[in-house]
Amino acid sequence: MRSYVGMLLVGCGLAVPLHAGPATTPAPVRPVSTYSIVARDSSTGELGIAVQSHWFSVGAVVPWAASGVGAVATQSFVEVSYGPLGLEAMRRGLTAAEALRELVGKDDHADVRQVAFVDATGRASAHTGSSCIPGAGHRTGDGYSVQANLMLTDDVPQVMAAAYEKSSGPLAERLLATLEAAQNAGGDIRGRQSAALLVVRGAPSDKPWTDRLVDLRVEDHHRPLEELRRLLHLHRAYELMNEGDEAVARGEMELALARYASAEEMFPHNDEFIFWHGVTLVTNDRVDESLALFDRAFRMNPSWKLLVPRLVEKGHLPKTTEVVDRILAVGP
């Protein structure tokens, strides 16, 4: 079987097909100098990948994951098709080691690849080709694999493994902490540019569009891990807002307001959080409590005032002149 994915020319290196013969296929010419981790959380079953590189938009190439299947990181002189084909092989029932061995065995340029798989049971396997640029190496452990190439020092994989094993909390935060440890140990010899974080459910749900729990990318930044940390923190705040919305739908207003307040505490300058918190209060006959929130939101972004009549028109705010006038009277 041959996949067109393997024929793609990708911006971070020349990808070559896994099944091509040496006479017709040029050797890949450019490495994605990268460090990454693939892992399965033993308590939740979640699967995830985190990666940083001195290359633009590494998240478009290296990380692959599917709920109930596994996770893949493909890097060095990257062959993109290890991602989809690796997931396909594990979906067929192969273990991480079996799937990786099958694909490496068909790759004419396996000596320059660095690839890691973890399957849905937490079995991990990695391959670092003999021609990957030093410092290059990998470490596999219980439910995870860490791998790096073109690093400033040879210590990075060991440091990453130790950091992951010592970490605690949600999988996304543990993955990010592992990358931060790698950067503190020297990281990519050329520096840093992009990073990505992907986490999926351990088992697929009946709503597959909800199975991707965290999907964050920093395409180009002078400190990509710091930016990725900020985005993950913001992601958690929006999760609280979503939980608040779900509580509203169930009629659990006090829980909803508590979730909104927690999100605002995390990002007190986010006018979006503040405005919709105020709307929720109004729709629950708590206009007096809402006015201070509207005042803050309007001062941060006066355009919110323009939205109020539109919400009234579509029934998202009461069609009561007195209420609308009180809302619009606050702020600048």
Protein backbone atom coordinates (compact mmCIF):
# COMPACT_ATOMS: atom_id res chain seq x y z
CA MET A 1 0.00 0.00 0.00
CA ARG A 2 1.30 3.43 -0.89
CA SER A 3 0.09 6.71 0.56
CA TYR A 4 0.22 10.04 -1.25
CA VAL A 5 0.94 11.63 2.13
CA GLY A 6 4.48 10.30 1.90
CA MET A 7 5.01 12.16 -1.38
CA LEU A 8 4.48 15.59 0.12
CA LEU A 9 7.18 18.19 0.02
CA VAL A 10 7.00 19.75 3.47
CA GLY A 11 8.37 23.07 4.56
CA CYS A 12 10.66 21.54 7.16
CA GLY A 13 12.46 19.12 4.88
CA LEU A 14 12.06 16.93 1.85
CA ALA A 15 9.72 14.08 2.71
CA VAL A 16 10.17 10.91 0.70
CA PRO A 17 7.75 7.99 0.28
CA LEU A 18 8.23 5.02 2.56
CA HIS A 19 8.02 2.54 -0.32
CA ALA A 20 10.17 4.27 -2.93
CA GLY A 21 13.31 2.63 -4.33
CA PRO A 22 16.74 4.21 -3.92
CA ALA A 23 17.22 4.65 -7.66
CA THR A 24 14.24 6.94 -8.02
CA THR A 25 14.08 8.68 -4.67
CA PRO A 26 16.47 11.48 -3.67
CA ALA A 27 17.80 11.39 -0.15
CA PRO A 28 16.14 13.88 2.21
CA VAL A 29 18.16 17.05 2.53
CA ARG A 30 17.07 19.01 5.59
CA PRO A 31 16.43 17.95 9.21
CA VAL A 32 13.72 19.10 11.53
CA SER A 33 15.92 19.58 14.58
CA THR A 34 13.41 18.79 17.27
CA TYR A 35 12.73 17.43 20.71
CA SER A 36 9.39 15.85 21.52
CA ILE A 37 7.49 13.54 23.83
CA VAL A 38 4.67 11.09 23.12
CA ALA A 39 2.81 9.74 26.12
CA ARG A 40 -0.27 8.06 27.53
CA ASP A 41 -1.66 9.14 30.89
CA SER A 42 -2.21 5.99 32.94
CA SER A 43 -4.98 7.55 35.04
CA THR A 44 -7.11 9.06 32.27
CA GLY A 45 -5.97 7.13 29.21
CA GLU A 46 -5.35 10.41 27.40
CA LEU A 47 -2.77 10.37 24.61
CA GLY A 48 -0.57 13.32 23.78
CA ILE A 49 2.43 14.81 22.03
CA ALA A 50 4.42 17.95 22.72
CA VAL A 51 7.21 19.26 20.50
CA GLN A 52 9.51 22.25 20.09
CA SER A 53 11.80 22.99 17.16
CA HIS A 54 13.93 25.63 15.51
CA TRP A 55 11.66 25.47 12.50
CA PHE A 56 8.50 27.23 11.41
CA SER A 57 5.17 25.57 12.27
CA VAL A 58 6.49 22.30 13.67
CA GLY A 59 2.96 21.45 14.83
CA ALA A 60 1.87 20.97 11.23
CA VAL A 61 4.32 18.09 10.74
CA VAL A 62 5.51 16.25 13.85
CA PRO A 63 2.48 15.45 16.11
CA TRP A 64 -0.22 12.91 15.28
CA ALA A 65 -2.78 11.30 17.60
CA ALA A 66 -6.12 9.50 17.55
CA SER A 67 -8.37 8.62 20.49
CA GLY A 68 -8.27 4.94 21.36
CA VAL A 69 -5.40 4.38 18.92
CA GLY A 70 -2.15 6.09 19.85
CA ALA A 71 0.20 8.98 19.28
CA VAL A 72 3.12 9.51 16.89
CA ALA A 73 5.98 11.98 16.63
CA THR A 74 7.88 11.99 13.33
CA GLN A 75 10.99 14.19 13.08
CA SER A 76 14.67 14.53 12.08
CA PHE A 77 14.75 14.25 8.26
CA VAL A 78 11.02 14.05 8.54
CA GLU A 79 8.77 11.58 6.74
CA VAL A 80 5.28 12.89 7.36
CA SER A 81 3.51 9.65 6.48
CA TYR A 82 4.81 7.92 9.60
CA GLY A 83 2.02 9.87 11.33
CA PRO A 84 -1.09 8.73 9.48
CA LEU A 85 0.33 5.33 8.53
CA GLY A 86 1.47 4.69 12.09
CA LEU A 87 -1.98 5.46 13.46
CA GLU A 88 -3.49 3.26 10.76
CA ALA A 89 -1.23 0.36 11.75
CA MET A 90 -2.06 0.70 15.45
CA ARG A 91 -5.75 0.95 14.58
CA ARG A 92 -5.34 -2.42 12.87
CA GLY A 93 -4.24 -3.83 16.22
CA LEU A 94 -0.47 -3.66 15.99
CA THR A 95 1.44 -2.60 19.10
CA ALA A 96 3.54 0.56 19.01
CA ALA A 97 6.69 -1.53 18.46
CA GLU A 98 5.12 -3.65 15.73
CA ALA A 99 3.73 -0.64 13.88
CA LEU A 100 7.02 1.23 14.03
CA ARG A 101 9.02 -1.80 12.96
CA GLU A 102 6.70 -2.36 9.99
CA LEU A 103 7.11 1.19 8.71
CA VAL A 104 10.84 1.50 9.39
CA GLY A 105 11.36 -1.74 7.48
CA LYS A 106 9.80 -0.20 4.38
CA ASP A 107 11.68 3.10 4.58
CA ASP A 108 14.69 3.49 2.25
CA HIS A 109 15.96 6.32 4.46
CA ALA A 110 15.33 4.93 7.92
CA ASP A 111 18.86 5.89 8.95
CA VAL A 112 17.92 9.59 9.02
CA ARG A 113 14.51 9.24 10.68
CA GLN A 114 13.57 9.78 14.27
CA VAL A 115 10.12 8.46 15.12
CA ALA A 116 8.27 7.52 18.29
CA PHE A 117 4.95 5.71 18.83
CA VAL A 118 2.83 5.11 21.91
CA ASP A 119 -0.27 2.96 21.62
CA ALA A 120 -3.59 3.07 23.47
CA THR A 121 -2.33 0.70 26.18
CA GLY A 122 0.77 2.81 26.89
CA ARG A 123 3.35 0.68 25.13
CA ALA A 124 6.00 2.98 23.63
CA SER A 125 8.62 2.45 20.95
CA ALA A 126 11.13 4.75 19.27
CA HIS A 127 13.63 4.75 16.42
CA THR A 128 16.63 7.06 16.05
CA GLY A 129 18.45 6.43 12.80
CA SER A 130 22.22 6.10 12.79
CA SER A 131 22.58 9.17 10.56
CA CYS A 132 20.51 11.54 12.70
CA ILE A 133 22.60 14.60 13.53
CA PRO A 134 24.08 14.58 17.07
CA GLY A 135 23.17 15.10 19.74
CA ALA A 136 20.44 12.66 18.96
CA GLY A 137 18.80 9.95 20.98
CA HIS A 138 15.67 8.73 22.67
CA ARG A 139 14.47 7.20 25.94
CA THR A 140 11.36 5.09 26.42
CA GLY A 141 9.63 4.46 29.71
CA ASP A 142 6.32 3.37 31.15
CA GLY A 143 3.76 4.97 28.84
CA TYR A 144 6.05 7.46 27.12
CA SER A 145 8.94 8.10 24.78
CA VAL A 146 11.14 11.20 24.57
CA GLN A 147 13.37 11.90 21.57
CA ALA A 148 15.66 14.64 20.34
CA ASN A 149 18.04 15.40 17.51
CA LEU A 150 20.49 18.20 16.72
CA MET A 151 20.62 19.17 20.39
CA LEU A 152 23.20 21.34 22.10
CA THR A 153 24.12 18.43 24.40
CA ASP A 154 23.56 14.68 24.53
CA ASP A 155 21.79 15.02 27.88
CA VAL A 156 18.44 16.21 26.57
CA PRO A 157 16.59 12.85 26.26
CA GLN A 158 17.67 11.77 29.74
CA VAL A 159 16.65 15.12 31.21
CA MET A 160 13.26 14.90 29.48
CA ALA A 161 12.61 11.39 30.76
CA ALA A 162 13.43 12.40 34.32
CA ALA A 163 11.24 15.51 34.08
CA TYR A 164 8.24 13.57 32.79
CA GLU A 165 8.55 10.86 35.41
CA LYS A 166 8.69 13.46 38.20
CA SER A 167 5.80 15.54 36.83
CA SER A 168 2.21 15.42 38.03
CA GLY A 169 -1.16 16.87 37.07
CA PRO A 170 -3.00 16.84 33.74
CA LEU A 171 -1.20 15.26 30.79
CA ALA A 172 -0.92 18.51 28.82
CA GLU A 173 0.87 20.26 31.68
CA ARG A 174 3.20 17.28 32.16
CA LEU A 175 4.12 17.25 28.47
CA LEU A 176 4.85 20.96 28.49
CA ALA A 177 6.99 20.65 31.63
CA THR A 178 9.03 17.99 29.82
CA LEU A 179 9.74 20.36 26.94
CA GLU A 180 10.71 23.10 29.36
CA ALA A 181 13.21 20.77 31.00
CA ALA A 182 14.73 20.04 27.60
CA GLN A 183 15.07 23.74 26.84
CA ASN A 184 16.71 24.33 30.22
CA ALA A 185 19.20 21.57 29.37
CA GLY A 186 20.24 23.40 26.19
CA GLY A 187 17.61 22.36 23.69
CA ASP A 188 18.11 22.74 19.96
CA ILE A 189 21.64 23.78 19.08
CA ARG A 190 20.26 26.45 16.72
CA GLY A 191 17.71 27.94 19.10
CA ARG A 192 13.93 27.85 19.09
CA GLN A 193 11.05 28.97 16.91
CA SER A 194 7.85 26.92 17.13
CA ALA A 195 6.09 24.49 19.44
CA ALA A 196 2.91 22.43 19.61
CA LEU A 197 0.83 20.50 22.13
CA LEU A 198 -1.80 17.91 21.22
CA VAL A 199 -3.87 15.79 23.63
CA VAL A 200 -6.78 13.48 22.74
CA ARG A 201 -9.16 11.35 24.78
CA GLY A 202 -8.03 7.89 25.70
CA ALA A 203 -11.15 6.33 24.20
CA PRO A 204 -13.21 7.78 21.36
CA SER A 205 -16.56 9.27 22.32
CA ASP A 206 -19.83 9.28 20.40
CA LYS A 207 -18.97 12.91 19.55
CA PRO A 208 -15.61 12.62 17.78
CA TRP A 209 -15.35 16.38 17.33
CA THR A 210 -14.87 16.60 21.11
CA ASP A 211 -12.11 13.99 21.31
CA ARG A 212 -9.29 16.48 20.70
CA LEU A 213 -8.93 17.95 24.17
CA VAL A 214 -5.95 20.28 23.68
CA ASP A 215 -4.65 21.41 20.30
CA LEU A 216 -2.31 24.39 20.58
CA ARG A 217 0.40 25.62 18.23
CA VAL A 218 2.94 28.41 18.32
CA GLU A 219 4.08 28.88 14.75
CA ASP A 220 6.82 31.50 15.11
CA HIS A 221 7.96 33.02 18.40
CA HIS A 222 11.26 33.94 20.03
CA ARG A 223 10.18 32.05 23.18
CA PRO A 224 7.71 29.44 21.92
CA LEU A 225 7.43 27.43 25.13
CA GLU A 226 6.58 30.48 27.18
CA GLU A 227 3.92 31.36 24.64
CA LEU A 228 2.65 27.78 24.63
CA ARG A 229 2.43 27.90 28.44
CA ARG A 230 0.38 31.11 28.19
CA LEU A 231 -1.94 29.56 25.60
CA LEU A 232 -2.46 26.45 27.72
CA HIS A 233 -3.36 28.65 30.70
CA LEU A 234 -5.83 30.52 28.50
CA HIS A 235 -7.20 27.23 27.20
CA ARG A 236 -7.92 26.18 30.79
CA ALA A 237 -9.75 29.46 31.40
CA TYR A 238 -11.94 28.90 28.35
CA GLU A 239 -12.66 25.39 29.60
CA LEU A 240 -14.07 26.99 32.74
CA MET A 241 -16.21 29.30 30.62
CA ASN A 242 -17.52 26.31 28.68
CA GLU A 243 -18.28 24.49 31.93
CA GLY A 244 -20.18 27.58 33.03
CA ASP A 245 -22.22 27.56 29.83
CA GLU A 246 -23.04 23.89 30.33
CA ALA A 247 -24.11 24.62 33.90
CA VAL A 248 -26.42 27.38 32.63
CA ALA A 249 -28.02 24.92 30.22
CA ARG A 250 -28.69 22.59 33.17
CA GLY A 251 -30.11 25.42 35.24
CA GLU A 252 -27.24 25.32 37.76
CA MET A 253 -26.71 29.05 37.96
CA GLU A 254 -24.51 29.24 41.04
CA LEU A 255 -22.11 26.71 39.56
CA ALA A 256 -22.09 28.58 36.26
CA LEU A 257 -21.29 31.89 37.92
CA ALA A 258 -18.53 30.27 39.97
CA ARG A 259 -16.93 28.90 36.79
CA TYR A 260 -17.16 32.29 35.09
CA ALA A 261 -15.61 33.99 38.10
CA SER A 262 -12.75 31.48 38.14
CA ALA A 263 -12.03 32.13 34.47
CA GLU A 264 -11.98 35.87 35.10
CA GLU A 265 -9.53 35.40 37.96
CA MET A 266 -7.19 33.58 35.61
CA PHE A 267 -7.41 36.31 32.96
CA PRO A 268 -8.78 39.48 34.60
CA HIS A 269 -8.19 41.54 31.47
CA ASN A 270 -10.22 39.32 29.15
CA ASP A 271 -13.23 41.47 28.28
CA GLU A 272 -14.96 38.52 26.59
CA PHE A 273 -15.23 36.63 29.87
CA ILE A 274 -16.50 39.69 31.71
CA PHE A 275 -19.15 40.65 29.15
CA TRP A 276 -20.77 37.22 28.87
CA HIS A 277 -20.71 36.82 32.63
CA GLY A 278 -22.78 40.01 32.76
CA VAL A 279 -25.19 38.74 30.11
CA THR A 280 -25.75 35.55 32.09
CA LEU A 281 -26.59 37.54 35.20
CA VAL A 282 -29.11 39.68 33.30
CA THR A 283 -30.85 36.68 31.78
CA ASN A 284 -31.28 35.34 35.29
CA ASP A 285 -32.88 38.54 36.67
CA ARG A 286 -29.71 39.70 38.42
CA VAL A 287 -29.34 43.02 36.63
CA ASP A 288 -27.95 44.89 39.64
CA GLU A 289 -25.03 42.43 39.91
CA SER A 290 -24.34 42.64 36.16
CA LEU A 291 -23.78 46.39 35.91
CA ALA A 292 -20.28 46.42 37.38
CA LEU A 293 -19.27 43.72 34.91
CA PHE A 294 -20.72 45.61 31.95
CA ASP A 295 -18.96 48.76 33.14
CA ARG A 296 -15.61 46.93 33.14
CA ALA A 297 -16.21 45.31 29.77
CA PHE A 298 -17.30 48.56 28.10
CA ARG A 299 -14.26 50.41 29.42
CA MET A 300 -11.96 47.72 28.12
CA ASN A 301 -13.67 47.52 24.74
CA PRO A 302 -16.44 50.06 23.93
CA SER A 303 -17.58 47.97 20.96
CA TRP A 304 -19.39 45.67 23.38
CA LYS A 305 -21.99 48.45 23.73
CA LEU A 306 -22.84 48.06 20.07
CA LEU A 307 -23.55 44.39 20.63
CA VAL A 308 -26.14 44.89 23.37
CA PRO A 309 -29.04 46.02 21.08
CA ARG A 310 -28.27 43.15 18.72
CA LEU A 311 -28.53 40.63 21.54
CA VAL A 312 -31.83 42.19 22.58
CA GLU A 313 -33.12 41.96 19.01
CA LYS A 314 -32.37 38.22 18.84
CA GLY A 315 -33.71 37.43 22.28
CA HIS A 316 -30.40 36.92 24.09
CA LEU A 317 -31.15 39.83 26.42
CA PRO A 318 -34.56 40.92 27.75
CA LYS A 319 -36.53 43.22 25.48
CA THR A 320 -37.09 45.60 28.35
CA THR A 321 -36.24 49.25 27.78
CA GLU A 322 -35.44 49.86 31.41
CA VAL A 323 -32.94 46.96 31.54
CA VAL A 324 -31.25 47.92 28.28
CA ASP A 325 -31.00 51.56 29.32
CA ARG A 326 -29.39 50.60 32.63
CA ILE A 327 -26.82 48.45 30.86
CA LEU A 328 -25.95 51.08 28.27
CA ALA A 329 -25.74 53.80 30.92
CA VAL A 330 -22.55 52.33 32.39
CA GLY A 331 -19.07 52.52 30.93
CA PRO A 332 -17.64 55.29 28.79
